[in-house]
C-alpha atoms as a PDB file:
ATOM      1  CA  UNK A   1       0.000   0.000   0.000  1.00  0.00           C
ATOM      2  CA  UNK A   2       1.302   3.456  -0.887  1.00  0.00           C
ATOM      3  CA  UNK A   3       2.432   5.699   1.968  1.00  0.00           C
ATOM      4  CA  UNK A   4       0.356   8.456   0.395  1.00  0.00           C
ATOM      5  CA  UNK A   5      -2.835   6.479   1.009  1.00  0.00           C
ATOM      6  CA  UNK A   6      -2.269   6.570   4.751  1.00  0.00           C
ATOM      7  CA  UNK A   7      -1.727  10.337   4.604  1.00  0.00           C
ATOM      8  CA  UNK A   8      -5.096  11.175   3.011  1.00  0.00           C
ATOM      9  CA  UNK A   9      -7.635  12.143   5.701  1.00  0.00           C
ATOM     10  CA  UNK A  10     -11.203  10.870   5.422  1.00  0.00           C
ATOM     11  CA  UNK A  11     -14.309  13.044   5.622  1.00  0.00           C
ATOM     12  CA  UNK A  12     -17.437  11.699   7.310  1.00  0.00           C
ATOM     13  CA  UNK A  13     -20.598  12.232   5.272  1.00  0.00           C
ATOM     14  CA  UNK A  14     -24.170  12.898   6.425  1.00  0.00           C
ATOM     15  CA  UNK A  15     -25.301   9.323   5.909  1.00  0.00           C
ATOM     16  CA  UNK A  16     -22.324   7.730   7.679  1.00  0.00           C
ATOM     17  CA  UNK A  17     -19.910   6.903   4.849  1.00  0.00           C
ATOM     18  CA  UNK A  18     -16.302   8.099   4.901  1.00  0.00           C
ATOM     19  CA  UNK A  19     -14.858   9.717   1.784  1.00  0.00           C
ATOM     20  CA  UNK A  20     -11.216  10.563   1.005  1.00  0.00           C
ATOM     21  CA  UNK A  21     -10.458  14.274   1.070  1.00  0.00           C
ATOM     22  CA  UNK A  22      -8.924  14.319  -2.433  1.00  0.00           C
ATOM     23  CA  UNK A  23      -9.661  12.228  -5.501  1.00  0.00           C
ATOM     24  CA  UNK A  24      -8.961  11.623  -9.175  1.00  0.00           C
ATOM     25  CA  UNK A  25     -11.145  13.230 -11.829  1.00  0.00           C
ATOM     26  CA  UNK A  26     -11.440  11.265 -15.088  1.00  0.00           C
ATOM     27  CA  UNK A  27     -13.106  13.573 -17.621  1.00  0.00           C
ATOM     28  CA  UNK A  28     -12.434  13.607 -20.603  1.00  0.00           C
ATOM     29  CA  UNK A  29     -10.418  10.363 -20.566  1.00  0.00           C
ATOM     30  CA  UNK A  30     -11.695   7.507 -22.725  1.00  0.00           C
ATOM     31  CA  UNK A  31     -11.924   3.893 -21.536  1.00  0.00           C
ATOM     32  CA  UNK A  32      -8.311   3.025 -22.325  1.00  0.00           C
ATOM     33  CA  UNK A  33      -6.873   6.252 -20.894  1.00  0.00           C
ATOM     34  CA  UNK A  34      -9.091   6.095 -17.801  1.00  0.00           C
ATOM     35  CA  UNK A  35      -8.242   2.474 -17.097  1.00  0.00           C
ATOM     36  CA  UNK A  36      -4.528   3.212 -17.156  1.00  0.00           C
ATOM     37  CA  UNK A  37      -4.965   6.404 -15.122  1.00  0.00           C
ATOM     38  CA  UNK A  38      -7.002   4.669 -12.425  1.00  0.00           C
ATOM     39  CA  UNK A  39      -4.504   1.813 -12.124  1.00  0.00           C
ATOM     40  CA  UNK A  40      -1.669   4.352 -11.694  1.00  0.00           C
ATOM     41  CA  UNK A  41      -3.741   6.440  -9.276  1.00  0.00           C
ATOM     42  CA  UNK A  42      -4.613   3.518  -7.019  1.00  0.00           C
ATOM     43  CA  UNK A  43      -0.964   2.501  -6.958  1.00  0.00           C
ATOM     44  CA  UNK A  44      -0.036   6.082  -6.016  1.00  0.00           C
ATOM     45  CA  UNK A  45      -2.455   6.056  -3.082  1.00  0.00           C
ATOM     46  CA  UNK A  46      -5.695   7.509  -4.453  1.00  0.00           C
ATOM     47  CA  UNK A  47      -8.873   5.874  -3.170  1.00  0.00           C
ATOM     48  CA  UNK A  48     -11.501   8.310  -4.480  1.00  0.00           C
ATOM     49  CA  UNK A  49     -12.240   7.864  -8.186  1.00  0.00           C
ATOM     50  CA  UNK A  50     -14.761  10.163  -9.894  1.00  0.00           C
ATOM     51  CA  UNK A  51     -16.554   9.287 -13.117  1.00  0.00           C
ATOM     52  CA  UNK A  52     -19.961   9.681 -14.786  1.00  0.00           C
ATOM     53  CA  UNK A  53     -22.183   8.067 -17.363  1.00  0.00           C
ATOM     54  CA  UNK A  54     -21.568  11.094 -19.597  1.00  0.00           C
ATOM     55  CA  UNK A  55     -17.803  10.530 -19.570  1.00  0.00           C
ATOM     56  CA  UNK A  56     -18.152   7.198 -21.366  1.00  0.00           C
ATOM     57  CA  UNK A  57     -15.294   5.659 -19.409  1.00  0.00           C
ATOM     58  CA  UNK A  58     -16.945   3.612 -16.648  1.00  0.00           C
ATOM     59  CA  UNK A  59     -15.959   0.313 -18.280  1.00  0.00           C
ATOM     60  CA  UNK A  60     -12.329   1.384 -18.495  1.00  0.00           C
ATOM     61  CA  UNK A  61     -12.366   2.529 -14.889  1.00  0.00           C
ATOM     62  CA  UNK A  62     -13.787  -0.812 -13.823  1.00  0.00           C
ATOM     63  CA  UNK A  63     -10.998  -2.573 -15.681  1.00  0.00           C
ATOM     64  CA  UNK A  64      -8.412  -0.284 -14.076  1.00  0.00           C
ATOM     65  CA  UNK A  65      -9.761  -1.076 -10.622  1.00  0.00           C
ATOM     66  CA  UNK A  66      -9.856  -4.789 -11.421  1.00  0.00           C
ATOM     67  CA  UNK A  67      -6.225  -4.743 -12.557  1.00  0.00           C
ATOM     68  CA  UNK A  68      -4.998  -3.828  -9.060  1.00  0.00           C
ATOM     69  CA  UNK A  69      -4.911  -5.772  -5.806  1.00  0.00           C
ATOM     70  CA  UNK A  70      -6.587  -2.955  -3.860  1.00  0.00           C
ATOM     71  CA  UNK A  71      -9.634  -4.335  -1.989  1.00  0.00           C
ATOM     72  CA  UNK A  72     -12.926  -2.986  -3.338  1.00  0.00           C
ATOM     73  CA  UNK A  73     -13.971  -1.760   0.113  1.00  0.00           C
ATOM     74  CA  UNK A  74     -10.950   0.585   0.192  1.00  0.00           C
ATOM     75  CA  UNK A  75     -12.002   2.312  -3.037  1.00  0.00           C
ATOM     76  CA  UNK A  76     -14.615   5.073  -3.041  1.00  0.00           C
ATOM     77  CA  UNK A  77     -16.241   5.162  -6.493  1.00  0.00           C
ATOM     78  CA  UNK A  78     -18.358   8.145  -7.499  1.00  0.00           C
ATOM     79  CA  UNK A  79     -20.524   8.148 -10.610  1.00  0.00           C
ATOM     80  CA  UNK A  80     -23.270  10.393 -11.961  1.00  0.00           C
ATOM     81  CA  UNK A  81     -26.298   9.875 -14.199  1.00  0.00           C
ATOM     82  CA  UNK A  82     -27.827  11.909 -17.004  1.00  0.00           C
ATOM     83  CA  UNK A  83     -31.155  13.693 -17.369  1.00  0.00           C
ATOM     84  CA  UNK A  84     -32.902  10.820 -19.146  1.00  0.00           C
ATOM     85  CA  UNK A  85     -32.949   8.936 -15.823  1.00  0.00           C
ATOM     86  CA  UNK A  86     -34.647  11.688 -13.794  1.00  0.00           C
ATOM     87  CA  UNK A  87     -37.418   9.570 -12.305  1.00  0.00           C
ATOM     88  CA  UNK A  88     -37.573   7.120  -9.411  1.00  0.00           C
ATOM     89  CA  UNK A  89     -37.417   4.064 -11.671  1.00  0.00           C
ATOM     90  CA  UNK A  90     -34.976   5.797 -13.988  1.00  0.00           C
ATOM     91  CA  UNK A  91     -32.454   6.185 -11.172  1.00  0.00           C
ATOM     92  CA  UNK A  92     -32.753   2.463 -10.418  1.00  0.00           C
ATOM     93  CA  UNK A  93     -31.994   1.727 -14.059  1.00  0.00           C
ATOM     94  CA  UNK A  94     -29.114   4.221 -14.155  1.00  0.00           C
ATOM     95  CA  UNK A  95     -27.592   2.616 -11.049  1.00  0.00           C
ATOM     96  CA  UNK A  96     -27.855  -0.849 -12.543  1.00  0.00           C
ATOM     97  CA  UNK A  97     -26.284   0.306 -15.805  1.00  0.00           C
ATOM     98  CA  UNK A  98     -23.376   2.047 -14.045  1.00  0.00           C
ATOM     99  CA  UNK A  99     -22.721  -0.945 -11.790  1.00  0.00           C
ATOM    100  CA  UNK A 100     -22.645  -3.223 -14.825  1.00  0.00           C
ATOM    101  CA  UNK A 101     -20.219  -0.982 -16.710  1.00  0.00           C
ATOM    102  CA  UNK A 102     -17.993  -0.547 -13.660  1.00  0.00           C
ATOM    103  CA  UNK A 103     -18.111  -4.256 -12.800  1.00  0.00           C
ATOM    104  CA  UNK A 104     -19.209  -3.606  -9.199  1.00  0.00           C
ATOM    105  CA  UNK A 105     -22.250  -4.494  -7.127  1.00  0.00           C
ATOM    106  CA  UNK A 106     -22.555  -1.136  -5.387  1.00  0.00           C
ATOM    107  CA  UNK A 107     -21.527   2.485  -5.951  1.00  0.00           C
ATOM    108  CA  UNK A 108     -20.105   4.466  -3.062  1.00  0.00           C
ATOM    109  CA  UNK A 109     -21.485   7.854  -4.103  1.00  0.00           C
ATOM    110  CA  UNK A 110     -24.142   8.328  -6.803  1.00  0.00           C
ATOM    111  CA  UNK A 111     -24.905  11.851  -8.010  1.00  0.00           C
ATOM    112  CA  UNK A 112     -27.480  13.629 -10.154  1.00  0.00           C
ATOM    113  CA  UNK A 113     -25.040  15.047 -12.706  1.00  0.00           C
ATOM    114  CA  UNK A 114     -26.952  18.238 -13.594  1.00  0.00           C
ATOM    115  CA  UNK A 115     -30.276  19.571 -12.304  1.00  0.00           C
ATOM    116  CA  UNK A 116     -31.622  20.241 -15.823  1.00  0.00           C
ATOM    117  CA  UNK A 117     -34.281  22.652 -14.474  1.00  0.00           C
ATOM    118  CA  UNK A 118     -36.001  22.971 -17.855  1.00  0.00           C
ATOM    119  CA  UNK A 119     -36.867  19.288 -17.635  1.00  0.00           C
ATOM    120  CA  UNK A 120     -38.021  19.807 -14.060  1.00  0.00           C
ATOM    121  CA  UNK A 121     -37.654  16.246 -12.740  1.00  0.00           C
ATOM    122  CA  UNK A 122     -34.697  16.522 -10.376  1.00  0.00           C
ATOM    123  CA  UNK A 123     -36.895  16.073  -7.281  1.00  0.00           C
ATOM    124  CA  UNK A 124     -38.045  12.705  -8.626  1.00  0.00           C
ATOM    125  CA  UNK A 125     -34.427  11.835  -9.366  1.00  0.00           C
ATOM    126  CA  UNK A 126     -33.555  12.678  -5.765  1.00  0.00           C
ATOM    127  CA  UNK A 127     -36.410  10.479  -4.531  1.00  0.00           C
ATOM    128  CA  UNK A 128     -34.891   7.644  -6.559  1.00  0.00           C
ATOM    129  CA  UNK A 129     -31.496   8.195  -4.949  1.00  0.00           C
ATOM    130  CA  UNK A 130     -33.063   8.183  -1.484  1.00  0.00           C
ATOM    131  CA  UNK A 131     -34.653   4.834  -2.298  1.00  0.00           C
ATOM    132  CA  UNK A 132     -31.295   3.436  -3.465  1.00  0.00           C
ATOM    133  CA  UNK A 133     -29.674   4.608  -0.230  1.00  0.00           C
ATOM    134  CA  UNK A 134     -32.371   3.011   1.916  1.00  0.00           C
ATOM    135  CA  UNK A 135     -31.945  -0.256   0.015  1.00  0.00           C
ATOM    136  CA  UNK A 136     -28.178  -0.231   0.602  1.00  0.00           C
ATOM    137  CA  UNK A 137     -27.301  -0.072  -3.100  1.00  0.00           C
ATOM    138  CA  UNK A 138     -25.163   3.022  -2.529  1.00  0.00           C
ATOM    139  CA  UNK A 139     -23.214   4.257   0.496  1.00  0.00           C
ATOM    140  CA  UNK A 140     -23.879   7.942  -0.123  1.00  0.00           C
ATOM    141  CA  UNK A 141     -25.981  10.125  -2.408  1.00  0.00           C
ATOM    142  CA  UNK A 142     -25.614  13.628  -3.680  1.00  0.00           C
ATOM    143  CA  UNK A 143     -25.905  16.198  -6.391  1.00  0.00           C
ATOM    144  CA  UNK A 144     -23.672  17.893  -8.891  1.00  0.00           C
ATOM    145  CA  UNK A 145     -24.027  21.500 -10.031  1.00  0.00           C
ATOM    146  CA  UNK A 146     -27.092  22.173  -7.852  1.00  0.00           C
ATOM    147  CA  UNK A 147     -27.885  25.698  -6.670  1.00  0.00           C
ATOM    148  CA  UNK A 148     -28.846  26.557  -3.085  1.00  0.00           C
ATOM    149  CA  UNK A 149     -32.488  26.843  -4.119  1.00  0.00           C
ATOM    150  CA  UNK A 150     -32.458  23.429  -5.794  1.00  0.00           C
ATOM    151  CA  UNK A 151     -30.769  21.838  -2.790  1.00  0.00           C
ATOM    152  CA  UNK A 152     -33.382  23.331  -0.481  1.00  0.00           C
ATOM    153  CA  UNK A 153     -36.159  22.027  -2.750  1.00  0.00           C
ATOM    154  CA  UNK A 154     -34.992  18.405  -2.651  1.00  0.00           C
ATOM    155  CA  UNK A 155     -34.382  18.566   1.104  1.00  0.00           C
ATOM    156  CA  UNK A 156     -37.884  19.963   1.671  1.00  0.00           C
ATOM    157  CA  UNK A 157     -39.410  17.295  -0.580  1.00  0.00           C
ATOM    158  CA  UNK A 158     -37.764  14.290   1.078  1.00  0.00           C
ATOM    159  CA  UNK A 159     -36.277  15.327   4.402  1.00  0.00           C
ATOM    160  CA  UNK A 160     -32.990  13.807   3.206  1.00  0.00           C
ATOM    161  CA  UNK A 161     -29.931  16.045   2.927  1.00  0.00           C
ATOM    162  CA  UNK A 162     -27.341  15.280   0.212  1.00  0.00           C
ATOM    163  CA  UNK A 163     -23.994  13.940   1.368  1.00  0.00           C
ATOM    164  CA  UNK A 164     -22.185  15.919  -1.334  1.00  0.00           C
ATOM    165  CA  UNK A 165     -22.777  18.709  -3.828  1.00  0.00           C
ATOM    166  CA  UNK A 166     -20.079  18.793  -6.477  1.00  0.00           C
ATOM    167  CA  UNK A 167     -19.680  21.936  -8.548  1.00  0.00           C
ATOM    168  CA  UNK A 168     -17.163  24.011 -10.466  1.00  0.00           C
ATOM    169  CA  UNK A 169     -15.014  25.608  -7.800  1.00  0.00           C
ATOM    170  CA  UNK A 170     -11.513  27.076  -7.943  1.00  0.00           C
ATOM    171  CA  UNK A 171      -9.844  30.324  -6.895  1.00  0.00           C
ATOM    172  CA  UNK A 172     -11.400  31.865 -10.019  1.00  0.00           C
ATOM    173  CA  UNK A 173     -14.885  30.679  -9.099  1.00  0.00           C
ATOM    174  CA  UNK A 174     -15.802  30.964  -5.444  1.00  0.00           C
ATOM    175  CA  UNK A 175     -19.361  30.716  -4.207  1.00  0.00           C
ATOM    176  CA  UNK A 176     -19.386  31.611  -0.538  1.00  0.00           C
ATOM    177  CA  UNK A 177     -23.180  31.543  -0.277  1.00  0.00           C
ATOM    178  CA  UNK A 178     -23.394  28.010  -1.620  1.00  0.00           C
ATOM    179  CA  UNK A 179     -20.493  26.781   0.501  1.00  0.00           C
ATOM    180  CA  UNK A 180     -22.090  28.376   3.578  1.00  0.00           C
ATOM    181  CA  UNK A 181     -25.362  26.576   2.834  1.00  0.00           C
ATOM    182  CA  UNK A 182     -23.415  23.330   2.528  1.00  0.00           C
ATOM    183  CA  UNK A 183     -21.746  23.921   5.894  1.00  0.00           C
ATOM    184  CA  UNK A 184     -25.055  24.742   7.547  1.00  0.00           C
ATOM    185  CA  UNK A 185     -26.556  21.442   6.366  1.00  0.00           C
ATOM    186  CA  UNK A 186     -23.496  19.204   6.624  1.00  0.00           C
ATOM    187  CA  UNK A 187     -23.189  18.849   2.843  1.00  0.00           C
ATOM    188  CA  UNK A 188     -19.625  18.216   1.726  1.00  0.00           C
ATOM    189  CA  UNK A 189     -18.379  20.582  -0.984  1.00  0.00           C
ATOM    190  CA  UNK A 190     -16.555  18.811  -3.810  1.00  0.00           C
ATOM    191  CA  UNK A 191     -14.783  20.743  -6.568  1.00  0.00           C
ATOM    192  CA  UNK A 192     -14.618  19.750 -10.185  1.00  0.00           C
ATOM    193  CA  UNK A 193     -12.044  21.649 -12.261  1.00  0.00           C
ATOM    194  CA  UNK A 194     -10.248  22.605  -9.023  1.00  0.00           C
ATOM    195  CA  UNK A 195      -7.211  23.786 -10.993  1.00  0.00           C
ATOM    196  CA  UNK A 196      -9.269  25.984 -13.312  1.00  0.00           C
ATOM    197  CA  UNK A 197      -9.455  23.482 -16.202  1.00  0.00           C
ATOM    198  CA  UNK A 198      -5.980  24.530 -17.289  1.00  0.00           C
ATOM    199  CA  UNK A 199      -7.437  27.781 -18.588  1.00  0.00           C
ATOM    200  CA  UNK A 200      -6.868  31.454 -17.748  1.00  0.00           C
ATOM    201  CA  UNK A 201      -3.405  30.802 -16.290  1.00  0.00           C
ATOM    202  CA  UNK A 202      -4.448  30.042 -12.705  1.00  0.00           C
ATOM    203  CA  UNK A 203      -1.145  28.320 -11.961  1.00  0.00           C
ATOM    204  CA  UNK A 204       0.790  31.359 -13.166  1.00  0.00           C
ATOM    205  CA  UNK A 205      -1.032  33.925 -11.020  1.00  0.00           C
ATOM    206  CA  UNK A 206       1.057  35.844  -8.499  1.00  0.00           C
ATOM    207  CA  UNK A 207      -0.599  34.658  -5.233  1.00  0.00           C
ATOM    208  CA  UNK A 208      -0.438  31.019  -6.328  1.00  0.00           C
ATOM    209  CA  UNK A 209       3.197  31.248  -7.462  1.00  0.00           C
ATOM    210  CA  UNK A 210       4.178  33.056  -4.256  1.00  0.00           C
ATOM    211  CA  UNK A 211       2.470  30.483  -2.016  1.00  0.00           C
ATOM    212  CA  UNK A 212       4.077  27.633  -3.935  1.00  0.00           C
ATOM    213  CA  UNK A 213       7.537  29.193  -3.639  1.00  0.00           C
ATOM    214  CA  UNK A 214       7.083  29.831   0.078  1.00  0.00           C
ATOM    215  CA  UNK A 215       6.341  26.157   0.740  1.00  0.00           C
ATOM    216  CA  UNK A 216       8.642  24.717  -1.943  1.00  0.00           C
ATOM    217  CA  UNK A 217       5.739  23.001  -3.725  1.00  0.00           C
ATOM    218  CA  UNK A 218       4.264  23.244  -7.216  1.00  0.00           C
ATOM    219  CA  UNK A 219       1.582  25.835  -8.032  1.00  0.00           C
ATOM    220  CA  UNK A 220      -0.907  22.974  -8.506  1.00  0.00           C
ATOM    221  CA  UNK A 221      -0.095  21.683  -5.020  1.00  0.00           C
ATOM    222  CA  UNK A 222      -0.615  25.186  -3.609  1.00  0.00           C
ATOM    223  CA  UNK A 223      -4.063  25.442  -5.213  1.00  0.00           C
ATOM    224  CA  UNK A 224      -5.079  21.962  -4.093  1.00  0.00           C
ATOM    225  CA  UNK A 225      -3.952  22.809  -0.561  1.00  0.00           C
ATOM    226  CA  UNK A 226      -6.065  25.982  -0.801  1.00  0.00           C
ATOM    227  CA  UNK A 227      -9.089  23.737  -1.422  1.00  0.00           C
ATOM    228  CA  UNK A 228      -8.202  21.545   1.546  1.00  0.00           C
ATOM    229  CA  UNK A 229      -7.801  24.617   3.784  1.00  0.00           C
ATOM    230  CA  UNK A 230     -11.291  25.726   2.756  1.00  0.00           C
ATOM    231  CA  UNK A 231     -12.785  22.317   3.610  1.00  0.00           C
ATOM    232  CA  UNK A 232     -13.346  21.395  -0.043  1.00  0.00           C
ATOM    233  CA  UNK A 233     -12.627  17.985  -1.616  1.00  0.00           C
ATOM    234  CA  UNK A 234     -10.868  18.567  -4.963  1.00  0.00           C
ATOM    235  CA  UNK A 235     -10.831  15.989  -7.761  1.00  0.00           C
ATOM    236  CA  UNK A 236      -8.045  17.083 -10.126  1.00  0.00           C
ATOM    237  CA  UNK A 237      -7.793  15.241 -13.428  1.00  0.00           C
ATOM    238  CA  UNK A 238      -4.454  14.043 -14.735  1.00  0.00           C
ATOM    239  CA  UNK A 239      -3.270  10.967 -16.585  1.00  0.00           C
ATOM    240  CA  UNK A 240       0.393  11.708 -15.767  1.00  0.00           C
ATOM    241  CA  UNK A 241       1.609   9.332 -13.007  1.00  0.00           C
ATOM    242  CA  UNK A 242       4.183  11.821 -11.678  1.00  0.00           C
ATOM    243  CA  UNK A 243       1.598  14.578 -11.453  1.00  0.00           C
ATOM    244  CA  UNK A 244      -0.804  12.209  -9.702  1.00  0.00           C
ATOM    245  CA  UNK A 245       1.762  11.702  -6.952  1.00  0.00           C
ATOM    246  CA  UNK A 246       2.353  15.463  -6.673  1.00  0.00           C
ATOM    247  CA  UNK A 247      -1.371  16.243  -6.539  1.00  0.00           C
ATOM    248  CA  UNK A 248      -1.880  13.765  -3.713  1.00  0.00           C
ATOM    249  CA  UNK A 249       1.038  15.128  -1.704  1.00  0.00           C
ATOM    250  CA  UNK A 250      -0.734  18.149  -0.195  1.00  0.00           C
ATOM    251  CA  UNK A 251      -1.087  17.109   3.444  1.00  0.00           C
ATOM    252  CA  UNK A 252       2.434  17.826   4.694  1.00  0.00           C
ATOM    253  CA  UNK A 253       2.155  21.632   4.601  1.00  0.00           C
ATOM    254  CA  UNK A 254      -0.357  24.363   5.396  1.00  0.00           C
ATOM    255  CA  UNK A 255      -1.019  27.673   3.722  1.00  0.00           C
ATOM    256  CA  UNK A 256      -1.145  30.644   6.043  1.00  0.00           C
ATOM    257  CA  UNK A 257      -4.461  32.505   6.423  1.00  0.00           C
ATOM    258  CA  UNK A 258      -2.878  35.401   4.508  1.00  0.00           C
ATOM    259  CA  UNK A 259      -1.933  33.093   1.619  1.00  0.00           C
ATOM    260  CA  UNK A 260      -5.460  31.663   1.474  1.00  0.00           C
ATOM    261  CA  UNK A 261      -6.946  35.170   1.412  1.00  0.00           C
ATOM    262  CA  UNK A 262      -4.531  36.290  -1.308  1.00  0.00           C
ATOM    263  CA  UNK A 263      -5.596  33.357  -3.481  1.00  0.00           C
ATOM    264  CA  UNK A 264      -9.256  34.143  -2.685  1.00  0.00           C
ATOM    265  CA  UNK A 265      -8.723  37.531  -4.329  1.00  0.00           C
ATOM    266  CA  UNK A 266      -8.549  35.770  -7.711  1.00  0.00           C
ATOM    267  CA  UNK A 267     -12.312  35.229  -7.548  1.00  0.00           C
ATOM    268  CA  UNK A 268     -14.077  36.728 -10.537  1.00  0.00           C
ATOM    269  CA  UNK A 269     -10.926  37.389 -12.554  1.00  0.00           C
ATOM    270  CA  UNK A 270     -11.659  34.726 -15.204  1.00  0.00           C
ATOM    271  CA  UNK A 271     -14.611  33.886 -17.445  1.00  0.00           C
ATOM    272  CA  UNK A 272     -17.848  32.922 -15.705  1.00  0.00           C
ATOM    273  CA  UNK A 273     -18.311  29.321 -14.607  1.00  0.00           C
ATOM    274  CA  UNK A 274     -20.656  26.960 -16.440  1.00  0.00           C
ATOM    275  CA  UNK A 275     -24.265  27.938 -15.660  1.00  0.00           C
ATOM    276  CA  UNK A 276     -26.317  24.918 -14.447  1.00  0.00           C
ATOM    277  CA  UNK A 277     -29.533  26.788 -15.186  1.00  0.00           C
ATOM    278  CA  UNK A 278     -28.684  26.736 -18.882  1.00  0.00           C
ATOM    279  CA  UNK A 279     -26.344  23.757 -19.284  1.00  0.00           C
ATOM    280  CA  UNK A 280     -26.804  20.081 -18.517  1.00  0.00           C
ATOM    281  CA  UNK A 281     -27.106  16.573 -19.855  1.00  0.00           C
END
């Protein structure tokens, strides 16, 4: 077992599961790329693997997991389903399809990928996830790209609070109101594109470069540590084994409050984030 695995703290979720505090994102890797990346990542010490039906790589990820000797119960698999499954029965079918592609008999965390408000069925999708949780088919349930209002709506409808809401979060795209709502309800904040999707030069910005130099780490490590300091679980995507190791190695140093605030100042200095009220699948 990698030493890095032991160094990754776990976060307890609302419904009792424990989730690693950093993971591997797999979009837009195809089956072959994702399988190789997951095998490398597990060897490096990752135990949180994030995928989705939309990514088209669940089969490859399942093969990557199967190629290692890591026990299934040590691996926390997240997947997400598309809008066509936004009904109680549809979620059951989506779960079965994802399990089959992944080659597993349960999913650790199952998410509604996008709210798709124009379709208007995300409450029914949430009811389906609640049913899966009660039946023990998943260890945790959550949402992706949901607004505060949408989160409140599904909580009011079912009395069940999501374990996780995953959305586009980086120093360029803060959302203090949404993160505060998460904290108030015990919802874990998970960040996709935590390094800014490689766009807009996040890793070349002055506060990031200065923090990295001060701690003798890479700019990517500084940004990932910024997420950790803010209580966020980042899922950076890389297929480079060396970078995987670097990205996981963010628990041996701390940013100062001043460094975190300086990086916070980058908020709003890049293009707007993807709008879940207009985009989805």
